[in-house]
Each structure stands twice: as structure tokens, then as C-alpha cells.
């Protein structure tokens, strides 16, 4: 009876949450910030310390941007007569930060199923496109922006082949306006190669190995089917060859097979990483590892095959009982020393994208040079995701995606005082700031602190 009651209570609670969430008014579940209008005139930020990230700092510098692009920066810059001059003396100017693994726009409240749209049903979904499911009204977007994150890779999850990701600007009326680049990569969840024996595991070792083998066969079969489909479609140009029916799943995989986009494999264990590299080499496709806890242990293999790593979250526990306590904190520096291309992500959770700079800060505390910590969340993700021609650093010709801060963004006391995305001045208000002011007023009315 106790078991039945527990299940009934859980079901009732879940149903109540869903009903309440779906009944909430738009003003509660949707952001009230108005997207910025396109840049209308040249803007010059004058007097601040400019940190291009890709080059030396410029004290007392000037950066000029127009029509969404940087047109000049340096210690001595000619400012157009019609430019709006903004004095940022004493402030610091950086490129906007980039999180290379998030659910922004696809997840709002993790515990409320109705607000989650990151995972499709089924196991093989290469045709799923993250960008078309993005909710531009998400309350989590202004929160992330407030701390200097201006671009994110939003990716699908679930199944074995989850679909393709999109690199988004965190501003825009629609997902089309927000999308900087799509598709970026095809996301694959690599199965654990060795069975786990933890107390919380429900499946036996035999069942785990059975599930592993099935997942690996699903991946291999999907690529074989897609390659056969691509060959058949290409043959249609030959006179007399019959038309092959369109299949959206295999059509979506053609850019992967042609080397236009990589597969982004979620893998932490050394066995997973080694297997993924071997698979990519056999299939002759590009590969990015996301997760990468054990990546330093096979750094030579990754470097030899030019496989970059998205280190997915620094703030996590050691993966094994006998690992050093700081094992996850030192992954970026160990990869740097081994010559493996890498960047740092905030762990994938939409609500915590705002904490991205502090993941980099922890890596810096445990050995990563400060300039590398900044590159790991700006220039390096742009390079890995194929966006470095327009994003990731402050250079002439690149998008004017800029943050103005009171100090180094890796330090928690630092505040973002101004932000531009493609030259558009961004509203830095958000729900958390609003609630902060609301409850400060409550305590003022109560006389607290007098």
C-alpha cells in the first residue's frame, strides 16, 4: 500500500506542476525585454582598456563600430564625425563570451516537462534541428546576457544521434534572427564502453553491455544507411537512374559525410573517446569531443587526429573514487600543455549558462594562465565551432559583439555595465535583477539595515 501511495502521490504532484506551468500567464513565463534594434549610427567606446584577446591589451584605447561590425580599434583612432562617443574610462572592453554547450531556448524549468523541448522521441534523430525549437522569449536568455554571455551553442539531446546544433546570438525577435550559424554539428551520445558497478545502477553488467552493443550498432547502421542514401541521391544525376525517395534523417547526415560539419560526441571516459576517434577515422568524418574528462589521458591521440575538446563543465566531482580532488579543475590546463585544442563550457544546463566565466576562473586557479582562461570562453569556442571569422575576439572586420566591464570577467565582483551584439545596444535588465530590487524594497520597508 505504501508503494502504491508513493507512486500516486508522485503522479499527482507531477500533473499539478504541469497544469500550473501551462496555466501561467505569458508575463510570468516570457521575458519582457525588447530585442535591440539594428545599429543606426557609428559608435565609439573611448578611454577604456581594450582586451582583444587575440592580441595585446590596449590601455586608454578606442574601438569604433558601425553597421554591426568593428571598423577600427587602437590607442590612436580616427572617430567619424557622426559617431556617438561613449566614455568608458576606467572600464574594460572584451569580446562577448561564448558557451559551447547549452540548452538555452530549449529548456526553461527542468522539473516541468512542458517547458522542455531538447529531446525528441526515438533513438536516431539526425534530422532534428535545435534552432527551430528555440524560444526567443526565454527568461534565461537575459540572465545569461547580463553576465556577458552573448553567444551560445544550443544543442539537442536524447537518443543515440540527437540532431544538429545551432550557434545563437542571445538577442532577436525570432529564432531566425538569433541564429548565427546552423547546423554547427551532429550530436552523438556515445555509450559507456565499460559497465558501471555503482550502487545506484539498476541494470546488471550484462544488461549494460547489451545496451552498449545495441547503441554502437545503431550508430554504425545509421552512418551506413546515410552513406548508401547519399550515394543513391548522387547517382540520380546519371541518366536512367531511378529517383530515390527523400528521407529527412539521412539527408541531414549528408553534410557530416561530406566533411562540412563535424560530429560532436558526448564522451568523458577514455574508452569512449578512443572509440569515437577510431569511428571518426574509419568513417572519415570530422570530430569534436564534448565532455572530455579523460581527454588529457589520450591527448596524443586527439592531437594526432586534430580533435578539439569542449571541456563541459569544470565545477563537477571527480569521476572515480581514486581520482585527485582537482582532476576536473585541471583538464583545460593539461590539454593546453599537451597541445590539444580546447574550450570551456558551463556544463550544459540552461539555467547556469550565466556561470560560464567562473568555470574558466576555476581552471585558472588550478594552473591555466589567465589569458588562456579568457580565450577558452571567447576565441577558442569560436574557432572550434567555425565562427572565428566573425566572433571570439575584437578585431577589425569582426562583428561588434562587445561587453564593457568593471574588471576581469573571470572575477565574481566584476559587473557587466554595457553590452553590444552585432552593434546593437542590449538591455541588461533581467528577472533576477528585478526580483533583487523587489526584495531589497521589502527589507527597506521593514526597516532592516537602518
Protein backbone atom coordinates (compact mmCIF):
# COMPACT_ATOMS: atom_id res chain seq x y z
CA UNK A 1 0.00 0.00 0.00
CA UNK A 2 2.87 2.34 0.80
CA UNK A 3 4.38 1.80 -2.68
CA UNK A 4 1.06 2.48 -4.41
CA UNK A 5 0.55 5.65 -2.36
CA UNK A 6 4.06 6.88 -3.18
CA UNK A 7 3.56 6.37 -6.91
CA UNK A 8 0.12 8.01 -6.80
CA UNK A 9 1.49 10.98 -4.87
CA UNK A 10 4.37 11.43 -7.33
CA UNK A 11 2.00 11.24 -10.31
CA UNK A 12 -0.40 13.75 -8.75
CA UNK A 13 2.43 16.16 -7.95
CA UNK A 14 3.84 15.93 -11.48
CA UNK A 15 0.42 16.52 -13.04
CA UNK A 16 -0.18 19.51 -10.77
CA UNK A 17 3.15 21.06 -11.76
CA UNK A 18 2.37 20.64 -15.47
CA UNK A 19 -1.14 22.10 -15.12
CA UNK A 20 0.12 25.08 -13.14
CA UNK A 21 3.02 25.70 -15.52
CA UNK A 22 0.86 25.57 -18.63
CA UNK A 23 -1.71 27.83 -16.98
CA UNK A 24 0.80 30.55 -16.10
CA UNK A 25 0.25 33.84 -17.94
CA UNK A 26 2.73 34.83 -20.62
CA UNK A 27 4.03 37.65 -18.43
CA UNK A 28 5.34 35.06 -15.97
CA UNK A 29 6.98 32.59 -18.35
CA UNK A 30 8.15 35.01 -21.06
CA UNK A 31 10.90 37.60 -20.94
CA UNK A 32 9.73 41.23 -21.03
CA UNK A 33 12.96 42.56 -22.56
CA UNK A 34 12.53 44.09 -26.00
CA UNK A 35 15.14 42.92 -28.55
CA UNK A 36 17.51 45.65 -29.64
CA UNK A 37 17.09 47.44 -32.94
CA UNK A 38 19.92 47.35 -35.52
CA UNK A 39 22.78 49.80 -35.12
CA UNK A 40 21.79 53.11 -36.74
CA UNK A 41 24.99 55.15 -36.48
CA UNK A 42 28.70 54.68 -35.68
CA UNK A 43 29.58 54.21 -32.00
CA UNK A 44 32.97 54.80 -30.40
CA UNK A 45 33.90 53.46 -26.97
CA UNK A 46 36.63 55.80 -25.73
CA UNK A 47 39.14 55.66 -22.88
CA UNK A 48 38.79 52.08 -21.67
CA UNK A 49 41.31 49.25 -21.64
CA UNK A 50 40.61 47.12 -24.71
CA UNK A 51 41.27 43.39 -24.42
CA UNK A 52 41.18 42.00 -27.99
CA UNK A 53 42.01 38.50 -26.58
CA UNK A 54 43.75 37.66 -29.87
CA UNK A 55 46.42 40.31 -29.24
CA UNK A 56 47.97 42.62 -26.68
CA UNK A 57 45.81 44.79 -24.42
CA UNK A 58 45.31 48.42 -25.45
CA UNK A 59 45.25 50.80 -22.45
CA UNK A 60 43.27 54.03 -22.91
CA UNK A 61 42.08 52.73 -26.25
CA UNK A 62 39.21 53.41 -28.63
CA UNK A 63 37.04 50.96 -30.51
CA UNK A 64 34.72 52.13 -33.30
CA UNK A 65 31.96 50.03 -34.82
CA UNK A 66 29.34 50.71 -37.46
CA UNK A 67 26.57 48.63 -39.07
CA UNK A 68 27.30 45.85 -36.63
CA UNK A 69 31.00 45.47 -37.48
CA UNK A 70 34.22 46.75 -35.87
CA UNK A 71 35.79 49.34 -38.16
CA UNK A 72 38.75 50.48 -36.04
CA UNK A 73 40.43 49.95 -32.67
CA UNK A 74 43.67 51.09 -31.11
CA UNK A 75 45.36 53.71 -28.99
CA UNK A 76 45.03 56.37 -31.70
CA UNK A 77 41.91 56.01 -33.80
CA UNK A 78 40.09 58.42 -36.09
CA UNK A 79 36.49 58.74 -34.91
CA UNK A 80 33.81 59.54 -37.55
CA UNK A 81 32.15 62.93 -37.12
CA UNK A 82 28.69 61.38 -36.80
CA UNK A 83 29.75 58.77 -34.22
CA UNK A 84 28.20 58.50 -30.79
CA UNK A 85 31.07 58.76 -28.30
CA UNK A 86 30.72 56.78 -25.09
CA UNK A 87 33.30 57.42 -22.39
CA UNK A 88 34.37 54.13 -20.79
CA UNK A 89 37.38 55.47 -18.92
CA UNK A 90 38.32 53.13 -16.10
CA UNK A 91 36.32 50.29 -17.67
CA UNK A 92 37.42 47.22 -19.62
CA UNK A 93 36.28 46.20 -23.10
CA UNK A 94 36.16 42.48 -24.02
CA UNK A 95 34.59 40.34 -26.74
CA UNK A 96 31.33 38.73 -25.66
CA UNK A 97 31.66 35.28 -24.12
CA UNK A 98 30.57 32.08 -25.89
CA UNK A 99 29.22 28.93 -24.22
CA UNK A 100 29.82 25.92 -26.49
CA UNK A 101 27.28 23.52 -24.94
CA UNK A 102 23.89 24.69 -23.66
CA UNK A 103 20.14 24.07 -23.68
CA UNK A 104 19.31 27.80 -23.84
CA UNK A 105 15.99 28.30 -25.61
CA UNK A 106 15.10 24.62 -25.41
CA UNK A 107 14.68 24.30 -21.64
CA UNK A 108 13.07 26.70 -19.19
CA UNK A 109 12.27 24.82 -15.97
CA UNK A 110 13.97 21.44 -15.80
CA UNK A 111 11.37 19.95 -13.43
CA UNK A 112 8.44 20.98 -15.65
CA UNK A 113 8.18 18.71 -18.66
CA UNK A 114 6.02 21.13 -20.64
CA UNK A 115 8.90 23.64 -20.75
CA UNK A 116 11.49 21.16 -22.07
CA UNK A 117 11.97 20.67 -25.80
CA UNK A 118 15.55 19.45 -26.04
CA UNK A 119 14.99 15.76 -26.71
CA UNK A 120 12.99 14.03 -29.44
CA UNK A 121 11.40 10.61 -29.06
CA UNK A 122 13.25 7.70 -30.61
CA UNK A 123 16.94 6.90 -30.82
CA UNK A 124 18.05 8.10 -34.26
CA UNK A 125 17.07 11.74 -34.95
CA UNK A 126 19.73 13.35 -37.15
CA UNK A 127 17.02 15.48 -38.78
CA UNK A 128 16.18 17.28 -35.52
CA UNK A 129 17.22 20.95 -35.75
CA UNK A 130 17.82 22.75 -32.46
CA UNK A 131 17.27 26.26 -33.79
CA UNK A 132 13.66 25.77 -34.91
CA UNK A 133 12.63 24.80 -31.36
CA UNK A 134 14.32 27.76 -29.66
CA UNK A 135 12.09 30.02 -27.57
CA UNK A 136 13.32 33.62 -28.02
CA UNK A 137 11.15 34.66 -25.04
CA UNK A 138 13.09 32.51 -22.54
CA UNK A 139 13.74 34.23 -19.21
CA UNK A 140 17.14 32.53 -19.12
CA UNK A 141 18.44 34.48 -22.11
CA UNK A 142 18.55 37.92 -20.39
CA UNK A 143 20.08 36.32 -17.29
CA UNK A 144 22.94 34.84 -19.32
CA UNK A 145 23.38 38.10 -21.24
CA UNK A 146 23.64 40.07 -18.00
CA UNK A 147 26.87 38.29 -17.16
CA UNK A 148 28.46 38.84 -20.56
CA UNK A 149 27.50 35.68 -22.44
CA UNK A 150 26.48 36.85 -25.90
CA UNK A 151 26.56 33.63 -27.95
CA UNK A 152 25.72 30.01 -27.18
CA UNK A 153 25.71 26.69 -28.92
CA UNK A 154 22.24 25.28 -28.34
CA UNK A 155 22.14 21.56 -28.93
CA UNK A 156 19.65 18.70 -28.84
CA UNK A 157 19.98 15.66 -26.58
CA UNK A 158 18.41 12.25 -26.17
CA UNK A 159 18.73 9.00 -28.05
CA UNK A 160 21.93 7.96 -29.76
CA UNK A 161 22.01 10.53 -32.58
CA UNK A 162 20.25 13.61 -31.24
CA UNK A 163 20.29 16.02 -34.19
CA UNK A 164 22.10 19.21 -35.16
CA UNK A 165 23.02 22.21 -33.03
CA UNK A 166 22.91 25.94 -33.74
CA UNK A 167 25.16 28.81 -32.71
CA UNK A 168 22.90 31.61 -31.49
CA UNK A 169 23.21 35.27 -30.66
CA UNK A 170 21.36 35.95 -27.41
CA UNK A 171 19.21 38.67 -28.92
CA UNK A 172 16.45 38.70 -31.51
CA UNK A 173 12.70 38.60 -32.04
CA UNK A 174 12.70 35.16 -33.64
CA UNK A 175 14.92 32.10 -33.84
CA UNK A 176 15.79 33.13 -37.38
CA UNK A 177 17.16 36.47 -36.14
CA UNK A 178 19.06 34.77 -33.34
CA UNK A 179 20.71 32.08 -35.45
CA UNK A 180 24.32 32.92 -36.31
CA UNK A 181 25.14 29.53 -37.83
CA UNK A 182 23.24 26.28 -38.30
CA UNK A 183 23.86 23.44 -38.48
CA UNK A 184 27.08 23.51 -36.46
CA UNK A 185 27.46 19.82 -35.70
CA UNK A 186 25.66 16.49 -35.45
CA UNK A 187 25.37 15.43 -31.80
CA UNK A 188 26.04 11.82 -30.84
CA UNK A 189 25.74 10.30 -27.37
CA UNK A 190 28.49 7.69 -27.19
CA UNK A 191 27.57 4.78 -24.89
CA UNK A 192 29.66 3.91 -21.86
CA UNK A 193 32.19 1.33 -23.01
CA UNK A 194 32.60 -0.33 -19.62
CA UNK A 195 29.84 -1.40 -17.21
CA UNK A 196 29.37 0.57 -14.03
CA UNK A 197 29.08 -1.06 -10.63
CA UNK A 198 27.77 1.85 -8.55
CA UNK A 199 25.03 1.13 -6.02
CA UNK A 200 22.53 3.27 -7.91
CA UNK A 201 22.88 1.36 -11.20
CA UNK A 202 19.67 -0.59 -11.90
CA UNK A 203 20.94 -2.66 -14.84
CA UNK A 204 23.26 -5.62 -14.38
CA UNK A 205 26.70 -5.58 -16.00
CA UNK A 206 25.40 -7.96 -18.69
CA UNK A 207 22.46 -5.66 -19.45
CA UNK A 208 24.74 -2.63 -19.63
CA UNK A 209 27.00 -4.39 -22.13
CA UNK A 210 23.94 -5.41 -24.15
CA UNK A 211 22.74 -1.79 -24.23
CA UNK A 212 26.22 -0.61 -25.21
CA UNK A 213 26.42 -3.02 -28.14
CA UNK A 214 22.96 -2.02 -29.35
CA UNK A 215 23.84 1.68 -29.24
CA UNK A 216 27.09 1.10 -31.13
CA UNK A 217 25.25 -0.94 -33.77
CA UNK A 218 22.66 1.83 -34.08
CA UNK A 219 25.39 4.40 -34.72
CA UNK A 220 27.18 2.21 -37.27
CA UNK A 221 23.95 1.30 -39.06
CA UNK A 222 22.80 4.92 -39.19
CA UNK A 223 26.03 6.01 -40.86
CA UNK A 224 25.88 3.06 -43.29
CA UNK A 225 22.27 3.89 -44.21
CA UNK A 226 23.10 7.58 -44.64
CA UNK A 227 26.11 6.80 -46.84
CA UNK A 228 24.03 4.48 -49.03
CA UNK A 229 21.33 7.14 -49.28
CA UNK A 230 23.89 9.80 -50.25
CA UNK A 231 25.33 7.54 -52.96
CA UNK A 232 21.86 6.83 -54.34
CA UNK A 233 20.92 10.52 -54.40
CA UNK A 234 24.17 11.47 -56.11
CA UNK A 235 23.57 8.78 -58.75
CA UNK A 236 20.26 10.38 -59.73
CA UNK A 237 22.19 12.82 -61.92
CA UNK A 238 23.12 9.87 -64.18
CA UNK A 239 20.61 9.30 -67.00
CA UNK A 240 18.46 6.24 -66.42
CA UNK A 241 18.99 6.09 -62.66
CA UNK A 242 15.72 5.88 -60.75
CA UNK A 243 14.73 8.61 -58.27
CA UNK A 244 15.41 7.65 -54.65
CA UNK A 245 12.76 8.62 -52.10
CA UNK A 246 13.60 11.58 -49.86
CA UNK A 247 14.49 10.71 -46.25
CA UNK A 248 14.95 13.68 -43.92
CA UNK A 249 17.08 11.66 -41.47
CA UNK A 250 19.76 10.65 -43.98
CA UNK A 251 19.52 13.96 -45.83
CA UNK A 252 20.56 15.70 -42.60
CA UNK A 253 23.64 13.47 -42.36
CA UNK A 254 25.00 14.29 -45.81
CA UNK A 255 26.88 17.42 -44.58
CA UNK A 256 28.57 15.19 -41.97
CA UNK A 257 29.63 12.60 -44.55
CA UNK A 258 30.86 15.35 -46.88
CA UNK A 259 33.00 16.83 -44.10
CA UNK A 260 31.09 20.11 -43.97
CA UNK A 261 30.10 19.76 -40.32
CA UNK A 262 31.57 17.58 -37.54
CA UNK A 263 30.01 15.04 -35.26
CA UNK A 264 30.06 16.34 -31.69
CA UNK A 265 30.35 13.29 -29.47
CA UNK A 266 29.41 13.42 -25.79
CA UNK A 267 32.13 11.36 -24.13
CA UNK A 268 34.03 11.54 -20.83
CA UNK A 269 35.64 8.12 -20.38
CA UNK A 270 38.94 7.36 -22.08
CA UNK A 271 37.41 4.25 -23.68
CA UNK A 272 34.57 6.34 -25.12
CA UNK A 273 36.94 8.95 -26.50
CA UNK A 274 39.25 6.36 -28.07
CA UNK A 275 36.30 4.53 -29.64
CA UNK A 276 34.84 7.78 -31.01
CA UNK A 277 38.18 8.78 -32.55
CA UNK A 278 38.54 5.35 -34.17
CA UNK A 279 34.98 5.58 -35.52
CA UNK A 280 35.50 9.07 -36.95
CA UNK A 281 38.73 7.97 -38.61
CA UNK A 282 37.03 4.93 -40.15
CA UNK A 283 34.07 6.98 -41.38
CA UNK A 284 36.36 9.86 -42.47
CA UNK A 285 34.29 12.47 -40.66
CA UNK A 286 35.30 15.44 -38.52
CA UNK A 287 35.05 15.01 -34.76
CA UNK A 288 34.68 17.22 -31.67
CA UNK A 289 34.64 15.70 -28.20
CA UNK A 290 32.23 17.27 -25.70
CA UNK A 291 32.73 16.42 -22.03
CA UNK A 292 36.35 15.35 -22.16
CA UNK A 293 37.01 14.46 -18.52
CA UNK A 294 39.56 11.80 -19.58
CA UNK A 295 40.75 13.70 -22.68
CA UNK A 296 44.18 14.50 -21.17
CA UNK A 297 44.78 10.76 -20.79
CA UNK A 298 44.61 10.31 -24.57
CA UNK A 299 45.93 13.73 -25.56
CA UNK A 300 48.44 12.33 -28.07
CA UNK A 301 45.63 10.56 -29.94
CA UNK A 302 43.49 13.72 -30.01
CA UNK A 303 46.38 15.89 -31.15
CA UNK A 304 47.39 13.43 -33.88
CA UNK A 305 43.85 13.41 -35.27
CA UNK A 306 43.20 17.16 -34.79
CA UNK A 307 40.25 16.51 -32.47
CA UNK A 308 39.30 19.53 -30.31
CA UNK A 309 37.64 19.17 -26.92
CA UNK A 310 34.76 21.14 -25.42
CA UNK A 311 35.53 20.72 -21.71
CA UNK A 312 31.96 20.53 -20.49
CA UNK A 313 31.91 21.99 -17.00
CA UNK A 314 34.75 22.46 -14.54
CA UNK A 315 32.55 22.51 -11.45
CA UNK A 316 31.97 18.81 -11.00
CA UNK A 317 33.11 15.95 -8.81
CA UNK A 318 35.95 13.59 -9.73
CA UNK A 319 34.60 10.77 -11.91
CA UNK A 320 36.30 7.98 -9.96
CA UNK A 321 36.88 7.40 -6.27
CA UNK A 322 40.67 7.31 -6.68
CA UNK A 323 40.91 10.45 -8.86
CA UNK A 324 42.56 13.54 -7.35
CA UNK A 325 40.02 16.01 -5.96
CA UNK A 326 41.11 18.60 -8.52
CA UNK A 327 41.01 16.30 -11.56
CA UNK A 328 38.09 18.11 -13.26
CA UNK A 329 39.59 21.53 -12.48
CA UNK A 330 42.89 20.77 -14.25
CA UNK A 331 41.53 19.28 -17.50
CA UNK A 332 41.91 22.53 -19.54
CA UNK A 333 45.49 23.16 -18.46
CA UNK A 334 46.51 19.56 -19.06
CA UNK A 335 45.04 19.78 -22.58
CA UNK A 336 46.82 23.09 -23.17
CA UNK A 337 50.16 21.65 -22.12
CA UNK A 338 49.61 18.68 -24.43
CA UNK A 339 48.82 20.92 -27.40
CA UNK A 340 45.18 19.84 -27.79
CA UNK A 341 42.68 22.44 -29.00
CA UNK A 342 40.04 23.05 -26.32
CA UNK A 343 37.46 25.45 -24.94
CA UNK A 344 35.44 25.59 -21.72
CA UNK A 345 31.68 25.22 -21.46
CA UNK A 346 29.45 25.79 -18.45
CA UNK A 347 28.09 22.26 -18.12
CA UNK A 348 25.11 22.26 -20.47
CA UNK A 349 22.36 23.43 -18.11
CA UNK A 350 20.40 26.39 -19.48
CA UNK A 351 19.84 27.98 -16.07
CA UNK A 352 23.56 28.08 -15.27
CA UNK A 353 24.98 29.50 -18.51
CA UNK A 354 25.49 32.74 -16.56
CA UNK A 355 28.25 30.96 -14.57
CA UNK A 356 30.44 30.30 -17.62
CA UNK A 357 33.24 32.75 -16.65
CA UNK A 358 33.55 31.15 -13.21
CA UNK A 359 34.21 27.73 -14.74
CA UNK A 360 37.12 29.34 -16.58
CA UNK A 361 38.17 31.09 -13.36
CA UNK A 362 38.38 27.77 -11.52
CA UNK A 363 40.55 26.36 -14.31
CA UNK A 364 42.80 29.42 -13.93
CA UNK A 365 43.03 28.84 -10.19
CA UNK A 366 44.27 25.34 -10.95
CA UNK A 367 47.01 26.17 -13.42
CA UNK A 368 45.52 27.63 -16.60
CA UNK A 369 47.10 31.03 -17.44
CA UNK A 370 44.68 33.96 -17.13
CA UNK A 371 44.88 34.88 -20.81
CA UNK A 372 44.13 31.25 -21.70
CA UNK A 373 41.13 31.29 -19.39
CA UNK A 374 39.69 34.26 -21.30
CA UNK A 375 40.42 32.67 -24.68
CA UNK A 376 38.76 29.43 -23.52
CA UNK A 377 35.38 31.20 -23.35
CA UNK A 378 35.78 33.62 -26.28
CA UNK A 379 38.24 32.92 -29.10
CA UNK A 380 38.66 29.16 -28.66
CA UNK A 381 34.95 28.24 -28.82
CA UNK A 382 34.62 30.49 -31.87
CA UNK A 383 37.48 28.62 -33.54
CA UNK A 384 36.16 25.17 -32.65
CA UNK A 385 32.61 25.99 -33.77
CA UNK A 386 33.69 27.59 -37.05
CA UNK A 387 32.81 31.18 -36.15
CA UNK A 388 36.24 32.77 -35.63
CA UNK A 389 35.98 34.83 -38.80
CA UNK A 390 33.31 36.96 -37.12
CA UNK A 391 33.33 36.25 -33.38
CA UNK A 392 35.51 35.47 -30.38
CA UNK A 393 37.89 38.45 -30.41
CA UNK A 394 37.98 42.20 -31.03
CA UNK A 395 39.43 42.73 -34.50
CA UNK A 396 38.66 45.00 -37.43
CA UNK A 397 36.02 43.43 -39.65
CA UNK A 398 34.55 41.17 -36.98
CA UNK A 399 31.07 41.54 -35.53
CA UNK A 400 30.78 44.24 -32.87
CA UNK A 401 29.80 41.80 -30.12
CA UNK A 402 31.30 43.54 -27.13
CA UNK A 403 30.98 43.74 -23.36
CA UNK A 404 32.13 46.62 -21.14
CA UNK A 405 33.01 45.58 -17.59
CA UNK A 406 34.31 46.97 -14.32
CA UNK A 407 37.15 44.43 -14.29
CA UNK A 408 38.23 40.97 -15.37
CA UNK A 409 35.04 38.96 -16.14
CA UNK A 410 36.56 35.88 -14.50
CA UNK A 411 36.27 37.62 -11.14
CA UNK A 412 32.88 37.40 -9.41
CA UNK A 413 32.75 41.08 -8.24
CA UNK A 414 33.10 42.27 -11.86
CA UNK A 415 29.94 43.75 -13.34
CA UNK A 416 28.94 44.00 -16.99
CA UNK A 417 27.90 47.64 -17.45
CA UNK A 418 27.28 47.71 -21.19
CA UNK A 419 26.83 45.17 -23.96
CA UNK A 420 26.53 45.17 -27.74
CA UNK A 421 25.57 42.27 -30.00
CA UNK A 422 26.35 42.97 -33.66
CA UNK A 423 26.49 46.64 -32.75
CA UNK A 424 23.03 46.59 -31.13
CA UNK A 425 22.93 48.03 -27.60
CA UNK A 426 21.49 45.38 -25.30
CA UNK A 427 19.07 45.83 -22.42
CA UNK A 428 20.90 44.32 -19.43
CA UNK A 429 17.86 44.02 -17.19
CA UNK A 430 16.57 40.57 -16.28
CA UNK A 431 14.15 38.83 -13.95
CA UNK A 432 16.77 38.15 -11.29
CA UNK A 433 17.73 41.83 -11.10
CA UNK A 434 14.05 42.77 -10.91
CA UNK A 435 13.47 40.36 -8.03
CA UNK A 436 16.61 41.62 -6.31
CA UNK A 437 15.24 45.18 -6.35
CA UNK A 438 11.80 43.98 -5.29
CA UNK A 439 13.04 42.25 -2.14
CA UNK A 440 15.52 44.99 -1.32
CA UNK A 441 12.49 47.27 -1.18
CA UNK A 442 10.74 44.78 1.10
CA UNK A 443 13.55 44.99 3.63
CA UNK A 444 13.73 48.78 3.31
CA UNK A 445 10.03 48.91 4.21
CA UNK A 446 10.72 46.65 7.19
CA UNK A 447 13.46 48.99 8.33
CA UNK A 448 16.17 46.35 8.07
CA UNK A 449 19.65 47.80 7.90
CA UNK A 450 18.78 51.19 9.38
